[in-house]
Amino acid sequence: MLFTIDVGNSHTVTGLFDGDDLIGQWRLKSDPKRPNDELAIRYHSLFSMVGIDKRDIDGVIIASVVPALEAAWVSCIDSYYSKHLKKPLLVVSAASINNFITIKTDYPEEVGADRLVNAIAAWERYKQNLIIIDFGTAITFDCVSAKCEYLGGTILPGLAISLEALEKRTAKLPQIDISTPPQSIIGRNTVDAMKSGVLNGYGSMIDGLTEKLRGELCPDGEPLKVLATGGMAHLIAPFSKCIEEVDTMLTLHGLHLVFHKQ
């Protein structure tokens, strides 16, 4: 079995693959102060709940944007899993996967590992010009050419950051749950007005920014695929006209692909 680990700023998403099948996935809060032993205990419990023995895990791959947690995970794998691995632990970086995709940014080493893995997974699936929108702590737009070139993209604050700012920087605006959409664009109470502003506002922003990126990526009208991933993708997708597909497990599938093609 392959243990895939995607360490983000807010959440760590992990998955277990049996061959090509994703047989289990977990989404837990990221805590940079969590020691390697605590990680081992937590995942031992999760595996036991679904009847999986850690000795069945013979491969591990990590993509991380949190250096402190990356170090804790590497230590955890070395201490508790390494004796069962058929291949050494693979930690994704621009240097480790430059044979999968051509990185055409000014400073390739600055590109988040998750963004590169998403680009590889999406290009392998569609083999055309792509915009991949990842709804995490930040919202990232990643542009990939039909030649499998990672061209760069844009980064902006995520939904949770915006909602937190509204709650903390205003006296009368409450904390809201955007999992239930408003009945109309015109909010007739404060909560619905906030929901409409966030969901319709971000949806319109996604569409507008995508069209601007399309103009640079496909100046002659070449085909373009727009897909979304990340924990909040399903909340915004209904409010966007340009998102064609949502795949919240894109990064895990990308890690699976990179591991087996390395």
Protein backbone atom coordinates (compact mmCIF):
# COMPACT_ATOMS: atom_id res chain seq x y z
CA MET A 1 0.00 0.00 0.00
CA LEU A 2 1.06 3.58 -0.67
CA PHE A 3 0.66 6.23 2.05
CA THR A 4 0.26 9.70 0.46
CA ILE A 5 0.62 12.81 2.61
CA ASP A 6 -0.31 16.36 1.56
CA VAL A 7 0.67 18.82 4.31
CA GLY A 8 -1.06 22.19 3.97
CA ASN A 9 -1.11 25.28 6.14
CA SER A 10 -4.57 24.58 7.57
CA HIS A 11 -5.09 20.86 6.99
CA THR A 12 -3.12 17.74 6.26
CA VAL A 13 -4.84 15.39 3.81
CA THR A 14 -3.63 11.81 3.72
CA GLY A 15 -4.65 8.83 1.63
CA LEU A 16 -3.96 5.13 1.35
CA PHE A 17 -3.77 3.50 -2.07
CA ASP A 18 -4.07 -0.20 -2.67
CA GLY A 19 -2.73 -0.42 -6.21
CA ASP A 20 -4.56 2.33 -8.10
CA ASP A 21 -7.52 2.43 -5.71
CA LEU A 22 -7.80 5.12 -3.03
CA ILE A 23 -9.14 3.01 -0.17
CA GLY A 24 -9.02 5.57 2.61
CA GLN A 25 -8.46 9.28 3.10
CA TRP A 26 -8.34 11.56 6.12
CA ARG A 27 -8.36 15.34 6.55
CA LEU A 28 -6.98 16.65 9.84
CA LYS A 29 -5.88 20.07 11.07
CA SER A 30 -2.21 20.86 10.54
CA ASP A 31 -0.32 21.60 13.76
CA PRO A 32 3.35 22.56 13.26
CA LYS A 33 3.99 21.82 16.96
CA ARG A 34 2.82 18.21 16.68
CA PRO A 35 5.78 15.87 17.37
CA ASN A 36 6.55 12.83 15.23
CA ASP A 37 5.48 10.39 17.95
CA GLU A 38 2.04 11.99 18.16
CA LEU A 39 1.66 11.72 14.38
CA ALA A 40 2.50 8.02 14.61
CA ILE A 41 -0.05 7.43 17.38
CA ARG A 42 -2.79 9.34 15.59
CA TYR A 43 -2.41 7.50 12.29
CA HIS A 44 -1.96 4.13 13.98
CA SER A 45 -5.41 4.72 15.48
CA LEU A 46 -6.91 5.82 12.17
CA PHE A 47 -5.49 2.80 10.35
CA SER A 48 -6.71 0.45 13.07
CA MET A 49 -10.24 1.84 12.77
CA VAL A 50 -10.41 0.62 9.16
CA GLY A 51 -8.52 -2.62 9.73
CA ILE A 52 -5.19 -1.60 8.17
CA ASP A 53 -1.85 -2.70 9.61
CA LYS A 54 0.99 -0.20 9.17
CA ARG A 55 3.17 -3.12 8.07
CA ASP A 56 1.06 -3.29 4.91
CA ILE A 57 2.37 0.16 3.91
CA ASP A 58 5.38 -0.28 1.64
CA GLY A 59 5.61 3.20 0.12
CA VAL A 60 5.29 6.77 1.40
CA ILE A 61 5.32 10.11 -0.43
CA ILE A 62 5.00 13.59 1.09
CA ALA A 63 4.18 17.00 -0.37
CA SER A 64 4.43 19.78 2.20
CA VAL A 65 4.26 23.57 2.37
CA VAL A 66 4.92 23.60 6.14
CA PRO A 67 8.64 22.99 6.85
CA ALA A 68 8.16 22.21 10.56
CA LEU A 69 5.51 19.61 9.84
CA GLU A 70 7.48 18.19 6.94
CA ALA A 71 10.37 17.54 9.32
CA ALA A 72 8.02 15.89 11.85
CA TRP A 73 6.55 13.65 9.16
CA VAL A 74 9.96 12.63 7.83
CA SER A 75 11.02 11.73 11.36
CA CYS A 76 7.77 9.80 11.92
CA ILE A 77 8.20 7.77 8.73
CA ASP A 78 11.87 7.07 9.49
CA SER A 79 11.02 5.90 13.01
CA TYR A 80 7.85 3.89 12.44
CA TYR A 81 7.51 2.92 8.77
CA SER A 82 10.94 2.78 7.12
CA LYS A 83 11.64 -0.91 7.79
CA HIS A 84 8.58 -1.88 5.69
CA LEU A 85 9.26 0.40 2.71
CA LYS A 86 10.27 -1.07 -0.64
CA LYS A 87 11.46 2.36 -1.88
CA PRO A 88 12.90 5.24 0.15
CA LEU A 89 10.54 7.92 1.41
CA LEU A 90 9.94 10.46 -1.37
CA VAL A 91 9.56 14.12 -0.39
CA VAL A 92 8.29 16.15 -3.34
CA SER A 93 10.20 19.25 -4.42
CA ALA A 94 10.82 21.06 -7.68
CA ALA A 95 14.15 19.26 -8.00
CA SER A 96 12.68 15.82 -7.32
CA ILE A 97 10.02 16.02 -10.05
CA ASN A 98 11.65 18.11 -12.76
CA ASN A 99 11.51 15.09 -15.05
CA PHE A 100 7.69 15.16 -14.90
CA ILE A 101 7.05 18.80 -15.74
CA THR A 102 9.03 21.78 -17.03
CA ILE A 103 8.91 24.56 -14.45
CA LYS A 104 9.13 27.93 -16.19
CA THR A 105 8.86 30.27 -13.22
CA ASP A 106 11.61 32.69 -12.15
CA TYR A 107 12.39 30.71 -8.99
CA PRO A 108 11.24 27.07 -9.36
CA GLU A 109 12.26 26.16 -5.82
CA GLU A 110 9.63 28.61 -4.48
CA VAL A 111 6.68 26.79 -6.06
CA GLY A 112 4.66 24.81 -3.52
CA ALA A 113 4.99 21.05 -3.86
CA ASP A 114 1.22 20.64 -3.85
CA ARG A 115 0.85 23.02 -6.79
CA LEU A 116 3.35 21.06 -8.85
CA VAL A 117 1.74 17.73 -7.97
CA ASN A 118 -1.68 19.09 -8.94
CA ALA A 119 -0.27 20.30 -12.26
CA ILE A 120 1.27 16.90 -13.01
CA ALA A 121 -1.91 15.01 -12.11
CA ALA A 122 -4.16 17.30 -14.15
CA TRP A 123 -1.89 17.32 -17.21
CA GLU A 124 -1.56 13.53 -17.14
CA ARG A 125 -5.34 13.31 -17.21
CA TYR A 126 -6.13 15.92 -19.89
CA LYS A 127 -2.87 16.71 -21.77
CA GLN A 128 -4.01 20.21 -22.72
CA ASN A 129 -3.83 23.79 -21.48
CA LEU A 130 -5.04 23.89 -17.89
CA ILE A 131 -5.95 26.24 -15.09
CA ILE A 132 -6.07 24.48 -11.73
CA ILE A 133 -7.74 26.42 -8.91
CA ASP A 134 -6.88 25.15 -5.42
CA PHE A 135 -9.19 26.39 -2.65
CA GLY A 136 -7.10 26.11 0.51
CA THR A 137 -5.84 28.58 3.09
CA ALA A 138 -4.90 30.60 0.02
CA ILE A 139 -6.59 30.28 -3.36
CA THR A 140 -4.04 29.49 -6.04
CA PHE A 141 -4.47 29.51 -9.81
CA ASP A 142 -1.89 27.35 -11.59
CA CYS A 143 -1.39 27.60 -15.34
CA VAL A 144 -0.08 24.60 -17.25
CA SER A 145 0.56 24.56 -20.99
CA ALA A 146 -0.38 21.80 -23.40
CA LYS A 147 3.37 21.01 -23.53
CA CYS A 148 3.36 20.14 -19.81
CA GLU A 149 4.99 23.38 -18.72
CA TYR A 150 4.22 24.88 -15.34
CA LEU A 151 3.99 28.59 -16.16
CA GLY A 152 3.05 30.09 -12.79
CA GLY A 153 -0.21 31.61 -11.66
CA THR A 154 -1.79 33.79 -9.00
CA ILE A 155 -2.26 33.62 -5.23
CA LEU A 156 -4.96 35.34 -3.17
CA PRO A 157 -6.51 34.99 0.30
CA GLY A 158 -8.80 32.03 0.82
CA LEU A 159 -12.39 32.02 1.99
CA ALA A 160 -11.59 31.21 5.61
CA ILE A 161 -9.13 34.11 5.83
CA SER A 162 -11.69 36.54 4.41
CA LEU A 163 -14.43 35.33 6.73
CA GLU A 164 -12.11 35.56 9.73
CA ALA A 165 -11.17 39.11 8.78
CA LEU A 166 -14.84 40.12 8.52
CA GLU A 167 -15.62 38.63 11.91
CA LYS A 168 -12.62 40.11 13.73
CA ARG A 169 -12.43 43.53 12.06
CA THR A 170 -16.10 44.46 12.32
CA ALA A 171 -18.21 45.09 15.41
CA LYS A 172 -21.56 43.68 14.32
CA LEU A 173 -20.84 41.08 11.65
CA PRO A 174 -21.17 37.55 13.04
CA GLN A 175 -19.34 34.33 12.30
CA ILE A 176 -21.22 32.53 9.52
CA ASP A 177 -21.43 29.07 7.95
CA ILE A 178 -21.27 29.26 4.16
CA SER A 179 -22.05 25.58 3.63
CA THR A 180 -25.71 26.60 3.32
CA PRO A 181 -26.07 29.16 0.49
CA PRO A 182 -28.34 32.20 0.63
CA GLN A 183 -31.74 32.13 -1.07
CA SER A 184 -30.93 35.05 -3.36
CA ILE A 185 -28.10 37.37 -4.33
CA ILE A 186 -29.81 40.23 -2.52
CA GLY A 187 -29.39 39.37 1.15
CA ARG A 188 -32.39 40.37 3.24
CA ASN A 189 -30.60 39.91 6.54
CA THR A 190 -26.99 40.26 7.68
CA VAL A 191 -26.12 36.57 7.52
CA ASP A 192 -27.55 36.10 4.02
CA ALA A 193 -25.87 39.31 2.85
CA MET A 194 -22.51 38.01 4.09
CA LYS A 195 -23.06 34.59 2.52
CA SER A 196 -24.04 36.15 -0.79
CA GLY A 197 -21.09 38.50 -0.73
CA VAL A 198 -18.58 35.73 -0.08
CA LEU A 199 -20.02 33.03 -2.36
CA ASN A 200 -21.19 35.18 -5.27
CA GLY A 201 -18.27 37.55 -4.86
CA TYR A 202 -15.63 34.82 -4.93
CA GLY A 203 -17.46 33.03 -7.76
CA SER A 204 -17.43 36.19 -9.88
CA MET A 205 -13.80 36.85 -8.97
CA ILE A 206 -12.87 33.30 -10.01
CA ASP A 207 -14.58 33.78 -13.37
CA GLY A 208 -13.03 37.19 -14.01
CA LEU A 209 -9.51 36.14 -13.09
CA THR A 210 -9.81 32.93 -15.08
CA GLU A 211 -10.75 34.89 -18.19
CA LYS A 212 -7.71 37.15 -17.76
CA LEU A 213 -5.44 34.13 -17.34
CA ARG A 214 -7.07 32.48 -20.35
CA GLY A 215 -6.11 35.50 -22.44
CA GLU A 216 -2.41 35.00 -21.66
CA LEU A 217 -2.40 31.21 -21.62
CA CYS A 218 -4.49 30.73 -24.78
CA PRO A 219 -4.12 33.94 -26.83
CA ASP A 220 -5.28 32.23 -30.02
CA GLY A 221 -8.31 30.55 -28.48
CA GLU A 222 -6.69 27.17 -27.85
CA PRO A 223 -8.70 24.65 -25.79
CA LEU A 224 -8.51 25.17 -22.04
CA LYS A 225 -9.67 23.01 -19.14
CA VAL A 226 -10.48 24.63 -15.78
CA LEU A 227 -10.71 22.41 -12.73
CA ALA A 228 -10.88 23.02 -9.00
CA THR A 229 -9.53 21.20 -5.99
CA GLY A 230 -9.08 21.83 -2.28
CA GLY A 231 -11.32 21.59 0.73
CA MET A 232 -13.62 24.49 -0.19
CA ALA A 233 -13.84 23.89 -3.94
CA HIS A 234 -17.31 22.37 -3.73
CA LEU A 235 -18.64 25.49 -1.98
CA ILE A 236 -17.56 27.93 -4.67
CA ALA A 237 -17.97 25.79 -7.81
CA PRO A 238 -21.79 26.29 -7.99
CA PHE A 239 -21.20 30.07 -8.05
CA SER A 240 -18.65 29.98 -10.87
CA LYS A 241 -19.38 29.58 -14.57
CA CYS A 242 -15.85 28.63 -15.55
CA ILE A 243 -15.11 25.67 -13.24
CA GLU A 244 -15.72 22.53 -15.28
CA GLU A 245 -14.76 19.88 -12.75
CA VAL A 246 -14.09 19.52 -9.03
CA ASP A 247 -11.62 16.90 -7.80
CA THR A 248 -10.87 17.31 -4.11
CA MET A 249 -8.47 14.34 -4.20
CA LEU A 250 -6.36 15.67 -7.09
CA THR A 251 -3.23 16.09 -4.96
CA LEU A 252 -3.41 12.56 -3.55
CA HIS A 253 -3.82 11.10 -7.03
CA GLY A 254 -0.92 13.25 -8.20
CA LEU A 255 1.27 11.92 -5.39
CA HIS A 256 0.31 8.37 -6.37
CA LEU A 257 1.28 9.12 -9.97
CA VAL A 258 4.61 10.70 -9.07
CA PHE A 259 5.57 7.89 -6.70
CA HIS A 260 4.97 5.13 -9.24
CA LYS A 261 6.64 6.97 -12.11
CA GLN A 262 9.69 8.08 -10.13
